[in-house]
Structure formats: C-alpha cells, structure tokens
N, C-alpha and C. Protein backbone atom coordinates (compact mmCIF):
# COMPACT_ATOMS: atom_id res chain seq x y z
N ARG A 1 -21.94 -15.99 -18.79
CA ARG A 1 -21.73 -15.08 -19.91
C ARG A 1 -22.09 -13.67 -19.46
N ASP A 2 -21.46 -12.72 -20.00
CA ASP A 2 -21.68 -11.26 -19.68
C ASP A 2 -23.04 -10.83 -20.09
N GLU A 3 -23.57 -11.44 -21.19
CA GLU A 3 -24.90 -11.06 -21.68
C GLU A 3 -26.01 -11.44 -20.74
N ASP A 4 -25.76 -12.42 -19.91
CA ASP A 4 -26.73 -12.92 -18.93
C ASP A 4 -26.81 -12.12 -17.68
N PHE A 5 -25.83 -11.29 -17.44
CA PHE A 5 -25.72 -10.52 -16.24
C PHE A 5 -26.64 -9.35 -16.23
N ASP A 6 -27.56 -9.25 -15.25
CA ASP A 6 -28.54 -8.19 -15.16
C ASP A 6 -27.95 -7.02 -14.39
N THR A 7 -27.69 -5.90 -15.00
CA THR A 7 -27.06 -4.77 -14.38
C THR A 7 -28.04 -3.77 -13.87
N SER A 8 -29.33 -4.15 -13.77
CA SER A 8 -30.32 -3.22 -13.24
C SER A 8 -30.03 -2.93 -11.77
N TYR A 9 -30.47 -1.79 -11.33
CA TYR A 9 -30.26 -1.38 -9.92
C TYR A 9 -30.80 -2.45 -8.98
N GLU A 10 -32.01 -2.93 -9.28
CA GLU A 10 -32.64 -3.98 -8.37
C GLU A 10 -31.74 -5.24 -8.30
N SER A 11 -31.21 -5.62 -9.44
CA SER A 11 -30.40 -6.81 -9.47
C SER A 11 -29.10 -6.60 -8.68
N LEU A 12 -28.54 -5.42 -8.79
CA LEU A 12 -27.28 -5.14 -8.03
C LEU A 12 -27.54 -5.08 -6.54
N LEU A 13 -28.70 -4.56 -6.11
CA LEU A 13 -29.08 -4.56 -4.72
C LEU A 13 -29.21 -5.97 -4.22
N SER A 14 -29.80 -6.81 -5.00
CA SER A 14 -30.02 -8.19 -4.66
C SER A 14 -28.62 -8.90 -4.52
N LEU A 15 -27.79 -8.65 -5.44
CA LEU A 15 -26.42 -9.24 -5.37
C LEU A 15 -25.68 -8.73 -4.11
N ALA A 16 -25.77 -7.49 -3.82
CA ALA A 16 -25.10 -6.94 -2.62
C ALA A 16 -25.71 -7.60 -1.36
N ALA A 17 -26.97 -7.82 -1.34
CA ALA A 17 -27.61 -8.46 -0.15
C ALA A 17 -27.14 -9.92 -0.04
N THR A 18 -26.89 -10.55 -1.16
CA THR A 18 -26.45 -11.93 -1.19
C THR A 18 -25.03 -12.18 -0.74
N ILE A 19 -24.15 -11.31 -1.27
CA ILE A 19 -22.68 -11.53 -1.04
C ILE A 19 -22.18 -10.64 0.13
N GLY A 20 -22.92 -9.62 0.55
CA GLY A 20 -22.46 -8.77 1.61
C GLY A 20 -21.59 -7.69 1.04
N GLU A 21 -21.01 -6.88 1.99
CA GLU A 21 -20.15 -5.80 1.61
C GLU A 21 -18.74 -6.32 1.11
N VAL A 22 -18.33 -5.83 0.02
CA VAL A 22 -17.08 -6.27 -0.59
C VAL A 22 -16.06 -5.15 -0.37
N ARG A 23 -14.92 -5.48 0.18
CA ARG A 23 -13.87 -4.51 0.41
C ARG A 23 -12.61 -5.05 -0.23
N PRO A 24 -11.78 -4.16 -0.74
CA PRO A 24 -10.51 -4.60 -1.24
C PRO A 24 -9.57 -5.09 -0.18
N ARG A 25 -8.81 -6.12 -0.51
CA ARG A 25 -7.82 -6.66 0.48
C ARG A 25 -6.70 -5.62 0.59
N HIS A 26 -6.16 -5.51 1.81
CA HIS A 26 -5.07 -4.62 2.01
C HIS A 26 -4.16 -5.26 3.05
N THR A 27 -3.06 -4.70 3.27
CA THR A 27 -2.08 -5.27 4.21
C THR A 27 -2.51 -4.79 5.67
N PRO A 28 -2.63 -5.71 6.59
CA PRO A 28 -3.02 -5.34 7.98
C PRO A 28 -1.97 -4.50 8.63
N ASP A 29 -2.42 -3.67 9.55
CA ASP A 29 -1.55 -2.74 10.27
C ASP A 29 -0.36 -3.43 11.02
N HIS A 30 -0.63 -4.57 11.58
CA HIS A 30 0.46 -5.23 12.33
C HIS A 30 1.53 -5.75 11.41
N VAL A 31 1.19 -6.01 10.13
CA VAL A 31 2.23 -6.41 9.19
C VAL A 31 3.01 -5.25 8.73
N ILE A 32 2.31 -4.07 8.52
CA ILE A 32 3.01 -2.85 8.13
C ILE A 32 3.93 -2.36 9.25
N ASP A 33 3.46 -2.50 10.49
CA ASP A 33 4.24 -2.07 11.65
C ASP A 33 5.52 -2.92 11.79
N SER A 34 5.53 -4.13 11.23
CA SER A 34 6.66 -5.03 11.44
C SER A 34 7.72 -4.81 10.35
N LEU A 35 7.49 -3.93 9.37
CA LEU A 35 8.49 -3.72 8.25
C LEU A 35 9.67 -2.96 8.84
N PRO A 36 10.87 -3.20 8.32
CA PRO A 36 12.08 -2.39 8.72
C PRO A 36 11.86 -0.91 8.57
N THR A 37 12.15 -0.14 9.64
CA THR A 37 11.96 1.25 9.64
C THR A 37 13.23 2.01 10.16
N SER A 38 13.53 3.13 9.67
CA SER A 38 14.72 3.89 10.01
C SER A 38 14.50 5.34 9.65
N THR A 39 15.49 6.07 9.65
CA THR A 39 15.48 7.47 9.13
C THR A 39 16.43 7.47 7.91
N PHE A 40 16.23 8.42 7.04
CA PHE A 40 17.01 8.50 5.83
C PHE A 40 18.52 8.60 6.14
N LYS A 41 18.93 9.41 7.13
CA LYS A 41 20.28 9.57 7.42
C LYS A 41 20.93 8.34 8.01
N GLU A 42 20.10 7.41 8.58
CA GLU A 42 20.72 6.15 9.18
C GLU A 42 21.08 5.13 8.21
N TRP A 43 20.34 5.09 7.07
CA TRP A 43 20.69 4.03 6.07
C TRP A 43 21.33 4.58 4.82
N ARG A 44 21.40 5.83 4.66
CA ARG A 44 21.92 6.47 3.42
C ARG A 44 23.37 6.08 3.13
N ASN A 45 23.65 5.80 1.89
CA ASN A 45 25.09 5.63 1.49
C ASN A 45 25.22 6.22 0.08
N ALA A 46 26.39 6.07 -0.53
CA ALA A 46 26.67 6.74 -1.79
C ALA A 46 25.75 6.28 -2.95
N GLU A 47 25.22 5.07 -2.85
CA GLU A 47 24.36 4.56 -3.96
C GLU A 47 22.82 4.71 -3.64
N SER A 48 22.46 5.33 -2.57
CA SER A 48 21.08 5.44 -2.12
C SER A 48 20.29 6.35 -3.03
N ASP A 49 19.07 5.97 -3.26
CA ASP A 49 18.09 6.90 -3.99
C ASP A 49 17.99 8.17 -3.12
N GLN A 50 17.75 9.25 -3.85
CA GLN A 50 17.65 10.54 -3.11
C GLN A 50 16.18 10.99 -2.95
N ARG A 51 15.23 10.19 -3.59
CA ARG A 51 13.81 10.53 -3.45
C ARG A 51 12.94 9.33 -3.33
N CYS A 52 11.80 9.51 -2.73
CA CYS A 52 10.87 8.44 -2.52
C CYS A 52 10.19 8.09 -3.82
N PRO A 53 10.20 6.75 -4.17
CA PRO A 53 9.64 6.32 -5.45
C PRO A 53 8.05 6.55 -5.46
N ILE A 54 7.42 6.71 -4.35
CA ILE A 54 5.98 6.92 -4.37
C ILE A 54 5.60 8.35 -4.62
N CYS A 55 6.05 9.27 -3.73
CA CYS A 55 5.73 10.65 -3.83
C CYS A 55 6.67 11.49 -4.71
N LEU A 56 7.80 10.98 -4.93
CA LEU A 56 8.90 11.60 -5.74
C LEU A 56 9.49 12.85 -5.05
N ASP A 57 9.21 12.97 -3.75
CA ASP A 57 9.87 14.10 -3.01
C ASP A 57 11.26 13.66 -2.56
N ASP A 58 12.20 14.63 -2.54
CA ASP A 58 13.50 14.30 -2.07
C ASP A 58 13.48 13.99 -0.55
N TYR A 59 14.37 13.04 -0.14
CA TYR A 59 14.42 12.72 1.27
C TYR A 59 15.15 13.91 2.04
N GLN A 60 14.63 14.08 3.24
CA GLN A 60 15.32 14.97 4.21
C GLN A 60 16.01 14.05 5.23
N GLU A 61 17.04 14.55 5.85
CA GLU A 61 17.84 13.76 6.78
C GLU A 61 17.05 13.01 7.82
N ASP A 62 16.04 13.60 8.43
CA ASP A 62 15.25 13.00 9.48
C ASP A 62 13.94 12.31 9.04
N ASP A 63 13.77 12.21 7.71
CA ASP A 63 12.59 11.56 7.18
C ASP A 63 12.49 10.08 7.65
N PRO A 64 11.36 9.66 8.24
CA PRO A 64 11.20 8.25 8.56
C PRO A 64 10.97 7.45 7.28
N VAL A 65 11.70 6.40 7.08
CA VAL A 65 11.61 5.57 5.91
C VAL A 65 11.29 4.08 6.30
N MET A 66 10.77 3.38 5.33
CA MET A 66 10.35 1.99 5.58
C MET A 66 10.72 1.16 4.35
N LYS A 67 10.92 -0.14 4.56
CA LYS A 67 11.36 -1.02 3.46
C LYS A 67 10.53 -2.26 3.37
N LEU A 68 10.11 -2.59 2.18
CA LEU A 68 9.47 -3.96 1.99
C LEU A 68 10.58 -5.00 1.95
N SER A 69 10.33 -6.17 2.43
CA SER A 69 11.38 -7.20 2.55
C SER A 69 12.01 -7.55 1.25
N ASP A 70 11.21 -7.69 0.17
CA ASP A 70 11.81 -8.13 -1.09
C ASP A 70 12.11 -7.02 -2.09
N CYS A 71 12.20 -5.80 -1.59
CA CYS A 71 12.42 -4.61 -2.44
C CYS A 71 13.64 -3.93 -1.97
N PRO A 72 14.49 -3.49 -2.89
CA PRO A 72 15.77 -2.77 -2.49
C PRO A 72 15.54 -1.35 -2.17
N HIS A 73 14.34 -0.78 -2.36
CA HIS A 73 14.10 0.63 -2.14
C HIS A 73 13.52 0.91 -0.76
N TRP A 74 13.97 1.97 -0.13
CA TRP A 74 13.32 2.52 1.06
C TRP A 74 12.33 3.56 0.54
N LEU A 75 11.22 3.71 1.33
CA LEU A 75 10.22 4.67 0.95
C LEU A 75 9.82 5.47 2.16
N HIS A 76 9.26 6.70 1.91
CA HIS A 76 8.78 7.45 3.04
C HIS A 76 7.83 6.54 3.81
N LYS A 77 7.91 6.48 5.12
CA LYS A 77 7.06 5.61 5.90
C LYS A 77 5.57 5.91 5.67
N GLY A 78 5.25 7.19 5.77
CA GLY A 78 3.84 7.57 5.56
C GLY A 78 3.33 7.24 4.11
N CYS A 79 4.13 7.40 3.11
CA CYS A 79 3.68 7.04 1.73
C CYS A 79 3.45 5.54 1.60
N LEU A 80 4.34 4.77 2.13
CA LEU A 80 4.17 3.32 2.05
C LEU A 80 3.03 2.87 2.85
N ARG A 81 2.81 3.39 4.03
CA ARG A 81 1.73 2.95 4.91
C ARG A 81 0.38 3.24 4.14
N VAL A 82 0.24 4.42 3.63
CA VAL A 82 -1.02 4.78 2.92
C VAL A 82 -1.21 3.91 1.69
N ARG A 83 -0.19 3.59 0.96
CA ARG A 83 -0.23 2.75 -0.20
C ARG A 83 -0.73 1.33 0.18
N LEU A 84 -0.07 0.80 1.26
CA LEU A 84 -0.39 -0.61 1.60
C LEU A 84 -1.78 -0.75 2.30
N GLN A 85 -2.25 0.33 2.86
CA GLN A 85 -3.60 0.32 3.49
C GLN A 85 -4.70 0.55 2.53
N SER A 86 -4.45 1.20 1.38
CA SER A 86 -5.50 1.58 0.46
C SER A 86 -5.45 0.77 -0.88
N ALA A 87 -4.37 0.21 -1.16
CA ALA A 87 -4.23 -0.53 -2.47
C ALA A 87 -4.72 -1.91 -2.33
N ARG A 88 -4.94 -2.52 -3.43
CA ARG A 88 -5.36 -3.95 -3.39
C ARG A 88 -4.10 -4.81 -3.39
N ILE A 89 -3.29 -4.57 -2.42
CA ILE A 89 -2.00 -5.21 -2.19
C ILE A 89 -2.14 -5.95 -0.84
N LEU A 90 -1.67 -7.20 -0.82
CA LEU A 90 -1.70 -7.92 0.48
C LEU A 90 -0.31 -8.39 0.71
N ILE A 91 0.33 -7.97 1.75
CA ILE A 91 1.65 -8.43 2.13
C ILE A 91 1.48 -9.19 3.45
N VAL A 92 1.91 -10.40 3.50
CA VAL A 92 1.77 -11.20 4.72
C VAL A 92 3.13 -11.74 5.06
C-alpha cells in the first residue's frame, strides 16, 4: 500500500543501497547501428514526408536518415539515435 511506503530521505537511501542504481532501459548502440540508414535524396519519392517527425525540421538532400523496422517513416539519423538512447524505449 502507498500509505506504508516511507518516503523519508533515510528510507530512500536504504532502498537505493538495497536495489542499486536504477537506470532506464534504452536501445543498445549495436541495435541502433543495425537500423536501415540512407540519405534523404536516396529514398525520397513523391509520397515521402518532407520533415523529420521528431525535430520537425525539413529534410535537406544530404541529410542522413534512419528507419525503424516496423515504422513507415524515416527520421533524421541523429534525432532517432538520441531518442532511442535516452528514452525508455527498448528495440531488440
């Protein structure tokens, strides 16, 4: 029960000592590096998005882009890398 949880500083220190450092899960670099990568001009067609869904900046011809396997969108490579490394997302 939430009422039984001691939120005092000492109790939280004790909990941290018991369970160790807790870090969010993220996608490992080797998995990110294996995702399909290209440049905007190499995959662009008439139906292509013109901007990155993460940063909302328009693509430039030579922008490196990356794609998740189950997603139809390409994203700026740097935007997707940062998102997958920092978010509580795990792609395996």
